[in-house]
Amino acid sequence: MKVYPITLVFIFFCTFIVTQGTKKSDKANQIFCLAKLAIVTLIVIVGFLNLDKKYFIEDPSVSTGEKVVGVFEGATLTFFGFIGFELGTTLIAEAQNPLKDIPRSIIYVVTLSSFVYVLAGFAITGIGIGPISRLYDADTALAISFEMIGIKWMGQVVYIAAIFGVTACSLAMINS
């Protein structure tokens, strides 16, 4: 098993933030989440600015079987994107009116996340990334898709968003 020193530094950083108290760690998590949301908004805007309608026209060379498999692969990935929203229920003791606030907050978060997923998916579909086979084994397909169409700086922004996302998730996990 290989240990990466930066991982240990990252874990100590997140743990240090959490040990500063609930209010400070909550504020740090909010900052990381807002930064990530701002970057996702930028991704959607850049994607829409580079939208090409031809990528939304059905390709007759793709068989029906491949289309069905693609829909199920997309649905599976989307399902796993929604795992973790139940983490908010661990903060039930912090809510002033848990019976009212917790379900409402979960509904708001899932609705907002679904909206962002749809917008981002639509924008990324429309940028025309070329042969999809280049992205199958990629760990960072979104960043690579922007780089493939010549927007290299946006690929770097996606990497930064990933760091913010992992940090926010780690803080939430350590906090709960």
Protein backbone atom coordinates (compact mmCIF):
# COMPACT_ATOMS: atom_id res chain seq x y z
CA MET A 1 0.00 0.00 0.00
CA LYS A 2 1.42 3.33 -1.07
CA VAL A 3 1.03 6.31 1.26
CA TYR A 4 1.05 9.79 -0.20
CA PRO A 5 2.36 12.42 2.26
CA ILE A 6 0.02 15.10 0.88
CA THR A 7 -2.91 12.92 1.96
CA LEU A 8 -1.72 12.97 5.55
CA VAL A 9 -1.25 16.75 5.40
CA PHE A 10 -4.77 17.09 4.00
CA ILE A 11 -6.29 14.94 6.76
CA PHE A 12 -4.43 16.89 9.46
CA PHE A 13 -5.59 20.17 7.85
CA CYS A 14 -9.25 19.08 7.87
CA THR A 15 -8.96 17.70 11.40
CA PHE A 16 -7.37 20.96 12.59
CA ILE A 17 -10.27 22.96 11.13
CA VAL A 18 -12.81 20.69 12.82
CA THR A 19 -11.04 20.95 16.19
CA GLN A 20 -11.47 24.73 16.12
CA GLY A 21 -15.13 24.29 17.00
CA THR A 22 -18.43 23.72 15.27
CA LYS A 23 -18.98 27.33 14.22
CA LYS A 24 -15.52 27.77 12.68
CA SER A 25 -15.56 24.42 10.91
CA ASP A 26 -19.08 25.12 9.65
CA LYS A 27 -17.93 28.50 8.31
CA ALA A 28 -14.93 26.87 6.59
CA ASN A 29 -17.20 24.22 5.06
CA GLN A 30 -19.57 26.93 3.82
CA ILE A 31 -16.66 28.79 2.20
CA PHE A 32 -15.46 25.64 0.41
CA CYS A 33 -19.02 24.80 -0.71
CA LEU A 34 -19.67 28.32 -2.00
CA ALA A 35 -16.34 28.33 -3.85
CA LYS A 36 -17.19 24.97 -5.40
CA LEU A 37 -20.67 26.17 -6.38
CA ALA A 38 -19.18 29.31 -7.97
CA ILE A 39 -16.78 27.18 -10.00
CA VAL A 40 -19.56 24.82 -11.09
CA THR A 41 -21.54 27.88 -12.20
CA LEU A 42 -18.50 29.00 -14.19
CA ILE A 43 -18.26 25.52 -15.75
CA VAL A 44 -21.91 25.73 -16.83
CA ILE A 45 -21.47 29.26 -18.24
CA VAL A 46 -18.32 28.35 -20.20
CA GLY A 47 -20.03 25.18 -21.41
CA PHE A 48 -23.07 27.11 -22.63
CA LEU A 49 -20.86 29.73 -24.32
CA ASN A 50 -19.16 26.95 -26.30
CA LEU A 51 -22.36 25.01 -27.02
CA ASP A 52 -22.69 23.41 -30.44
CA LYS A 53 -26.21 22.34 -31.48
CA LYS A 54 -24.94 19.50 -33.66
CA TYR A 55 -24.12 17.44 -30.57
CA PHE A 56 -27.80 17.28 -29.64
CA ILE A 57 -28.85 15.68 -32.94
CA GLU A 58 -29.34 11.92 -32.87
CA ASP A 59 -26.44 10.01 -34.42
CA PRO A 60 -27.83 7.33 -36.76
CA SER A 61 -24.57 5.34 -36.53
CA VAL A 62 -25.20 4.56 -32.85
CA SER A 63 -27.24 1.40 -32.34
CA THR A 64 -30.27 1.24 -30.05
CA GLY A 65 -28.43 -1.14 -27.73
CA GLU A 66 -25.59 1.35 -27.25
CA LYS A 67 -28.11 4.09 -26.49
CA VAL A 68 -29.84 1.98 -23.83
CA VAL A 69 -26.50 1.05 -22.24
CA GLY A 70 -25.50 4.73 -22.27
CA VAL A 71 -28.71 5.75 -20.52
CA PHE A 72 -28.20 3.13 -17.79
CA GLU A 73 -24.53 4.10 -17.34
CA GLY A 74 -25.54 7.74 -16.99
CA ALA A 75 -28.33 6.88 -14.54
CA THR A 76 -25.91 4.83 -12.44
CA LEU A 77 -23.39 7.65 -12.24
CA THR A 78 -26.12 10.12 -11.36
CA PHE A 79 -27.40 7.82 -8.61
CA PHE A 80 -23.96 7.69 -7.01
CA GLY A 81 -23.76 11.47 -7.26
CA PHE A 82 -26.67 11.71 -4.83
CA ILE A 83 -25.15 9.47 -2.16
CA GLY A 84 -24.24 11.44 0.92
CA PHE A 85 -27.22 13.74 1.32
CA GLU A 86 -28.28 11.72 4.34
CA LEU A 87 -25.21 13.12 6.10
CA GLY A 88 -27.26 16.21 6.85
CA THR A 89 -29.47 14.15 9.11
CA THR A 90 -26.54 13.62 11.47
CA LEU A 91 -26.79 17.30 12.37
CA ILE A 92 -30.32 16.88 13.69
CA ALA A 93 -29.24 17.95 17.20
CA GLU A 94 -28.06 21.30 15.79
CA ALA A 95 -31.43 22.18 14.23
CA GLN A 96 -33.84 24.44 16.09
CA ASN A 97 -36.90 22.63 14.75
CA PRO A 98 -35.61 19.26 13.44
CA LEU A 99 -38.96 17.82 12.36
CA LYS A 100 -39.50 20.77 10.06
CA ASP A 101 -35.97 21.90 9.18
CA ILE A 102 -34.21 18.63 8.29
CA PRO A 103 -36.70 17.33 5.66
CA ARG A 104 -36.99 20.81 4.17
CA SER A 105 -33.21 21.23 3.95
CA ILE A 106 -32.76 17.79 2.35
CA ILE A 107 -35.44 18.60 -0.26
CA TYR A 108 -33.80 21.97 -1.02
CA VAL A 109 -30.34 20.46 -1.36
CA VAL A 110 -31.45 17.57 -3.56
CA THR A 111 -33.50 19.92 -5.77
CA LEU A 112 -30.63 22.38 -6.17
CA SER A 113 -28.14 19.58 -6.82
CA SER A 114 -30.44 18.00 -9.44
CA PHE A 115 -30.80 21.35 -11.18
CA VAL A 116 -27.02 21.85 -11.22
CA TYR A 117 -26.45 18.26 -12.46
CA VAL A 118 -28.87 18.78 -15.35
CA LEU A 119 -27.38 22.17 -16.30
CA ALA A 120 -23.81 20.87 -16.14
CA GLY A 121 -24.67 17.72 -18.09
CA PHE A 122 -26.42 19.74 -20.78
CA ALA A 123 -23.50 22.18 -21.06
CA ILE A 124 -20.86 19.45 -21.19
CA THR A 125 -22.82 17.45 -23.76
CA GLY A 126 -22.96 20.50 -26.00
CA ILE A 127 -19.27 21.36 -26.05
CA GLY A 128 -18.40 18.48 -28.36
CA ILE A 129 -15.45 16.68 -26.87
CA GLY A 130 -14.70 14.46 -29.84
CA PRO A 131 -14.26 10.71 -29.52
CA ILE A 132 -15.71 9.66 -26.18
CA SER A 133 -13.31 6.71 -26.05
CA ARG A 134 -10.58 9.12 -24.87
CA LEU A 135 -12.54 9.76 -21.68
CA TYR A 136 -13.45 6.20 -20.67
CA ASP A 137 -10.38 5.62 -18.50
CA ALA A 138 -9.91 9.22 -17.46
CA ASP A 139 -10.16 10.07 -13.78
CA THR A 140 -10.79 13.70 -14.67
CA ALA A 141 -13.03 13.46 -17.71
CA LEU A 142 -14.61 16.89 -17.18
CA ALA A 143 -11.25 18.68 -17.08
CA ILE A 144 -9.97 16.69 -20.05
CA SER A 145 -13.12 17.47 -22.05
CA PHE A 146 -12.47 21.21 -21.69
CA GLU A 147 -8.80 20.74 -22.57
CA MET A 148 -9.76 18.70 -25.67
CA ILE A 149 -11.76 21.62 -27.07
CA GLY A 150 -8.93 24.08 -26.42
CA ILE A 151 -10.04 25.67 -23.14
CA LYS A 152 -7.06 24.52 -21.08
CA TRP A 153 -7.53 27.11 -18.32
CA MET A 154 -10.99 25.70 -17.64
CA GLY A 155 -9.46 22.28 -17.08
CA GLN A 156 -7.34 23.80 -14.31
CA VAL A 157 -10.45 25.40 -12.80
CA VAL A 158 -12.13 21.98 -12.74
CA TYR A 159 -9.15 20.55 -10.82
CA ILE A 160 -9.47 23.36 -8.25
CA ALA A 161 -13.20 22.66 -7.91
CA ALA A 162 -12.39 19.01 -7.24
CA ILE A 163 -10.04 20.03 -4.42
CA PHE A 164 -12.73 22.26 -2.91
CA GLY A 165 -15.30 19.49 -3.24
CA VAL A 166 -13.12 16.87 -1.56
CA THR A 167 -12.26 19.33 1.22
CA ALA A 168 -15.92 20.23 1.87
CA CYS A 169 -16.91 16.55 1.87
CA SER A 170 -14.04 15.61 4.18
CA LEU A 171 -14.95 18.39 6.63
CA ALA A 172 -18.57 17.23 6.64
CA MET A 173 -17.55 13.62 7.23
CA ILE A 174 -15.14 14.45 10.05
CA ASN A 175 -17.73 16.77 11.61
CA SER A 176 -20.41 14.10 11.66
